[in-house]
Amino acid sequence: MSASRCPAEAIYYDLELPTEWKPYLAANADFFADLGSQGGAADLSRTDIDPDS
């Protein structure tokens, strides 16, 4: 299910993150600071801090 939303080509190590995506690094860290492990989001639906799609 998530593969269509996040293809493997869109996953980077933080040190290899392209410059254009670096502003989102902090947003990702903030999101998971409250949520917990990224694996913990697998069964989570939309949250109040999700951007509109």
Protein backbone atom coordinates (compact mmCIF):
# COMPACT_ATOMS: atom_id res chain seq x y z
CA MET A 1 0.00 0.00 0.00
CA SER A 2 2.62 2.57 0.96
CA ALA A 3 4.85 1.73 -2.02
CA SER A 4 2.63 3.79 -4.30
CA ARG A 5 2.87 6.74 -1.91
CA CYS A 6 6.56 6.39 -1.19
CA PRO A 7 8.51 4.59 -3.89
CA ALA A 8 11.88 3.15 -2.87
CA GLU A 9 13.62 5.75 -5.04
CA ALA A 10 12.24 8.43 -2.69
CA ILE A 11 13.95 7.00 0.41
CA TYR A 12 17.36 8.42 1.29
CA TYR A 13 19.80 8.30 4.18
CA ASP A 14 19.87 11.75 5.77
CA LEU A 15 23.44 12.38 4.60
CA GLU A 16 22.49 11.51 1.00
CA LEU A 17 19.33 13.61 0.90
CA PRO A 18 19.21 15.83 -2.22
CA THR A 19 19.43 19.54 -1.45
CA GLU A 20 15.89 20.20 -2.68
CA TRP A 21 14.46 17.86 -0.02
CA LYS A 22 16.57 19.01 2.96
CA PRO A 23 13.88 21.39 4.29
CA TYR A 24 11.67 18.34 4.89
CA LEU A 25 14.27 16.57 7.05
CA ALA A 26 13.35 18.57 10.16
CA ALA A 27 9.62 18.15 9.46
CA ASN A 28 10.09 14.39 9.28
CA ALA A 29 12.04 14.36 12.56
CA ASP A 30 9.38 16.49 14.28
CA PHE A 31 6.57 14.26 13.03
CA PHE A 32 8.17 11.06 14.29
CA ALA A 33 9.36 12.61 17.57
CA ASP A 34 5.75 12.43 18.79
CA LEU A 35 4.70 9.36 16.82
CA GLY A 36 7.66 7.13 17.53
CA SER A 37 9.45 4.77 15.16
CA GLN A 38 8.75 5.18 11.45
CA GLY A 39 7.62 1.55 11.44
CA GLY A 40 4.98 2.59 13.97
CA ALA A 41 3.20 4.67 11.35
CA ALA A 42 2.26 1.70 9.20
CA ASP A 43 -1.23 1.37 10.65
CA LEU A 44 -1.77 5.06 11.34
CA SER A 45 -4.34 7.04 9.39
CA ARG A 46 -4.17 10.79 8.79
CA THR A 47 -3.12 12.92 11.73
CA ASP A 48 -3.76 16.57 12.55
CA ILE A 49 -0.29 17.47 11.32
CA ASP A 50 -0.50 15.71 7.93
CA PRO A 51 -0.41 18.13 4.99
CA ASP A 52 -3.38 18.34 2.68
CA SER A 53 -2.91 16.11 -0.34
